[in-house]
Amino acid sequence: MEIITQARLKGGAFANLNEFAARVDLRSAGKRALESLIKVGAMDKYGSRAAMLEALDRLVAVSSSQFRAAEAGSCRSSGPTRASPKASACRLSGCRPA
């Protein structure tokens, strides 16, 4: 959970799930922790709990791919920003704000 807090302090609130996946290395946060956050309603502003739980594996995969690429030096250093959310290579469908 600390990695999520650090990302939020550094860049402000997350605009959507795509930005969340781009700014937080979900490999470090852990799938179980994310699942818990979704189930207790901490991420309700990003969509329905059912849709987010269904998309959880994709969310972790997108984040993992992006951070692996960044580590390899083949990705932009900061990834998508709030100013350019279309920079993300993958969009998560089915998770619309409630």
C-alpha atoms as a PDB file:
ATOM      1  CA  MET A   1       0.000   0.000   0.000  1.00  0.00           C
ATOM      2  CA  GLU A   2       2.946   2.330   0.608  1.00  0.00           C
ATOM      3  CA  ILE A   3       3.778   2.408  -3.107  1.00  0.00           C
ATOM      4  CA  ILE A   4       0.244   3.625  -3.883  1.00  0.00           C
ATOM      5  CA  THR A   5       0.494   6.342  -1.240  1.00  0.00           C
ATOM      6  CA  GLN A   6       3.866   7.478  -2.596  1.00  0.00           C
ATOM      7  CA  ALA A   7       2.545   7.680  -6.169  1.00  0.00           C
ATOM      8  CA  ARG A   8      -0.444   9.709  -5.043  1.00  0.00           C
ATOM      9  CA  LEU A   9       1.697  12.116  -3.011  1.00  0.00           C
ATOM     10  CA  LYS A  10       4.061  12.565  -5.946  1.00  0.00           C
ATOM     11  CA  GLY A  11       1.465  13.053  -8.689  1.00  0.00           C
ATOM     12  CA  GLY A  12      -1.837  13.826  -6.994  1.00  0.00           C
ATOM     13  CA  ALA A  13      -5.076  11.898  -7.240  1.00  0.00           C
ATOM     14  CA  PHE A  14      -5.440   9.302  -9.980  1.00  0.00           C
ATOM     15  CA  ALA A  15      -7.817  10.410 -12.740  1.00  0.00           C
ATOM     16  CA  ASN A  16      -8.736   6.865 -13.822  1.00  0.00           C
ATOM     17  CA  LEU A  17      -7.597   3.238 -13.706  1.00  0.00           C
ATOM     18  CA  ASN A  18      -5.287   3.688 -16.675  1.00  0.00           C
ATOM     19  CA  GLU A  19      -3.407   6.439 -14.885  1.00  0.00           C
ATOM     20  CA  PHE A  20      -3.343   4.342 -11.713  1.00  0.00           C
ATOM     21  CA  ALA A  21      -1.757   1.447 -13.607  1.00  0.00           C
ATOM     22  CA  ALA A  22       0.736   3.799 -15.265  1.00  0.00           C
ATOM     23  CA  ARG A  23       1.896   5.477 -12.056  1.00  0.00           C
ATOM     24  CA  VAL A  24       1.865   2.548  -9.615  1.00  0.00           C
ATOM     25  CA  ASP A  25       4.014  -0.532 -10.151  1.00  0.00           C
ATOM     26  CA  LEU A  26       1.282  -3.035  -9.383  1.00  0.00           C
ATOM     27  CA  ARG A  27       3.813  -5.859  -9.242  1.00  0.00           C
ATOM     28  CA  SER A  28       4.963  -4.315  -5.968  1.00  0.00           C
ATOM     29  CA  ALA A  29       1.514  -3.399  -4.668  1.00  0.00           C
ATOM     30  CA  GLY A  30       0.223  -6.943  -5.011  1.00  0.00           C
ATOM     31  CA  LYS A  31      -2.918  -8.303  -6.598  1.00  0.00           C
ATOM     32  CA  ARG A  32      -4.440  -9.328  -3.262  1.00  0.00           C
ATOM     33  CA  ALA A  33      -4.032  -5.794  -1.858  1.00  0.00           C
ATOM     34  CA  LEU A  34      -5.679  -4.300  -4.957  1.00  0.00           C
ATOM     35  CA  GLU A  35      -8.501  -6.795  -4.738  1.00  0.00           C
ATOM     36  CA  SER A  36      -9.059  -5.764  -1.110  1.00  0.00           C
ATOM     37  CA  LEU A  37      -9.092  -2.062  -2.021  1.00  0.00           C
ATOM     38  CA  ILE A  38     -11.714  -2.736  -4.678  1.00  0.00           C
ATOM     39  CA  LYS A  39     -13.861  -4.910  -2.403  1.00  0.00           C
ATOM     40  CA  VAL A  40     -13.954  -2.353   0.433  1.00  0.00           C
ATOM     41  CA  GLY A  41     -14.937   0.434  -1.974  1.00  0.00           C
ATOM     42  CA  ALA A  42     -11.693   2.434  -1.926  1.00  0.00           C
ATOM     43  CA  MET A  43     -11.713   2.577  -5.737  1.00  0.00           C
ATOM     44  CA  ASP A  44     -15.430   3.028  -6.380  1.00  0.00           C
ATOM     45  CA  LYS A  45     -14.907   6.333  -8.218  1.00  0.00           C
ATOM     46  CA  TYR A  46     -13.218   4.384 -11.041  1.00  0.00           C
ATOM     47  CA  GLY A  47     -16.127   2.083 -11.811  1.00  0.00           C
ATOM     48  CA  SER A  48     -18.212  -0.768 -10.528  1.00  0.00           C
ATOM     49  CA  ARG A  49     -16.553  -3.219  -8.187  1.00  0.00           C
ATOM     50  CA  ALA A  50     -17.561  -6.162 -10.341  1.00  0.00           C
ATOM     51  CA  ALA A  51     -16.032  -4.638 -13.480  1.00  0.00           C
ATOM     52  CA  MET A  52     -12.821  -3.721 -11.677  1.00  0.00           C
ATOM     53  CA  LEU A  53     -12.482  -7.180 -10.156  1.00  0.00           C
ATOM     54  CA  GLU A  54     -13.028  -8.678 -13.605  1.00  0.00           C
ATOM     55  CA  ALA A  55     -10.361  -6.376 -15.076  1.00  0.00           C
ATOM     56  CA  LEU A  56      -7.877  -6.857 -12.217  1.00  0.00           C
ATOM     57  CA  ASP A  57      -5.622  -9.310 -14.062  1.00  0.00           C
ATOM     58  CA  ARG A  58      -5.473  -6.973 -17.084  1.00  0.00           C
ATOM     59  CA  LEU A  59      -4.778  -3.985 -14.844  1.00  0.00           C
ATOM     60  CA  VAL A  60      -1.826  -5.753 -13.224  1.00  0.00           C
ATOM     61  CA  ALA A  61      -0.580  -6.990 -16.614  1.00  0.00           C
ATOM     62  CA  VAL A  62      -0.712  -3.488 -18.156  1.00  0.00           C
ATOM     63  CA  SER A  63       1.156  -1.997 -15.219  1.00  0.00           C
ATOM     64  CA  SER A  64       3.713  -4.806 -15.177  1.00  0.00           C
ATOM     65  CA  SER A  65       4.386  -4.482 -18.907  1.00  0.00           C
ATOM     66  CA  GLN A  66       4.839  -0.752 -18.661  1.00  0.00           C
ATOM     67  CA  PHE A  67       7.214  -0.908 -15.698  1.00  0.00           C
ATOM     68  CA  ARG A  68       9.217  -3.775 -17.235  1.00  0.00           C
ATOM     69  CA  ALA A  69       9.586  -1.747 -20.431  1.00  0.00           C
ATOM     70  CA  ALA A  70      10.624   1.326 -18.455  1.00  0.00           C
ATOM     71  CA  GLU A  71      13.226  -0.723 -16.612  1.00  0.00           C
ATOM     72  CA  ALA A  72      14.546  -1.949 -19.951  1.00  0.00           C
ATOM     73  CA  GLY A  73      14.694   1.643 -21.204  1.00  0.00           C
ATOM     74  CA  SER A  74      12.236   1.147 -24.038  1.00  0.00           C
ATOM     75  CA  CYS A  75       9.437   3.282 -22.616  1.00  0.00           C
ATOM     76  CA  ARG A  76       9.043   6.955 -21.776  1.00  0.00           C
ATOM     77  CA  SER A  77      10.455   7.652 -18.359  1.00  0.00           C
ATOM     78  CA  SER A  78       7.246   8.777 -16.699  1.00  0.00           C
ATOM     79  CA  GLY A  79       4.558   7.072 -18.782  1.00  0.00           C
ATOM     80  CA  PRO A  80       1.178   8.667 -19.346  1.00  0.00           C
ATOM     81  CA  THR A  81       0.377  11.793 -17.419  1.00  0.00           C
ATOM     82  CA  ARG A  82      -2.847  13.477 -16.560  1.00  0.00           C
ATOM     83  CA  ALA A  83      -2.151  15.889 -19.417  1.00  0.00           C
ATOM     84  CA  SER A  84      -1.755  13.060 -21.930  1.00  0.00           C
ATOM     85  CA  PRO A  85      -3.795  10.018 -20.852  1.00  0.00           C
ATOM     86  CA  LYS A  86      -3.873   8.713 -24.441  1.00  0.00           C
ATOM     87  CA  ALA A  87      -0.176   7.854 -24.137  1.00  0.00           C
ATOM     88  CA  SER A  88      -1.103   4.560 -22.504  1.00  0.00           C
ATOM     89  CA  ALA A  89      -0.689   1.619 -24.876  1.00  0.00           C
ATOM     90  CA  CYS A  90      -3.646  -0.260 -23.424  1.00  0.00           C
ATOM     91  CA  ARG A  91      -7.019   0.902 -22.206  1.00  0.00           C
ATOM     92  CA  LEU A  92      -9.067  -1.024 -19.699  1.00  0.00           C
ATOM     93  CA  SER A  93     -12.609  -1.374 -20.917  1.00  0.00           C
ATOM     94  CA  GLY A  94     -15.633  -2.041 -18.799  1.00  0.00           C
ATOM     95  CA  CYS A  95     -14.478   0.095 -15.864  1.00  0.00           C
ATOM     96  CA  ARG A  96     -16.413   3.289 -16.138  1.00  0.00           C
ATOM     97  CA  PRO A  97     -16.912   5.746 -13.275  1.00  0.00           C
ATOM     98  CA  ALA A  98     -20.098   5.040 -11.375  1.00  0.00           C
END
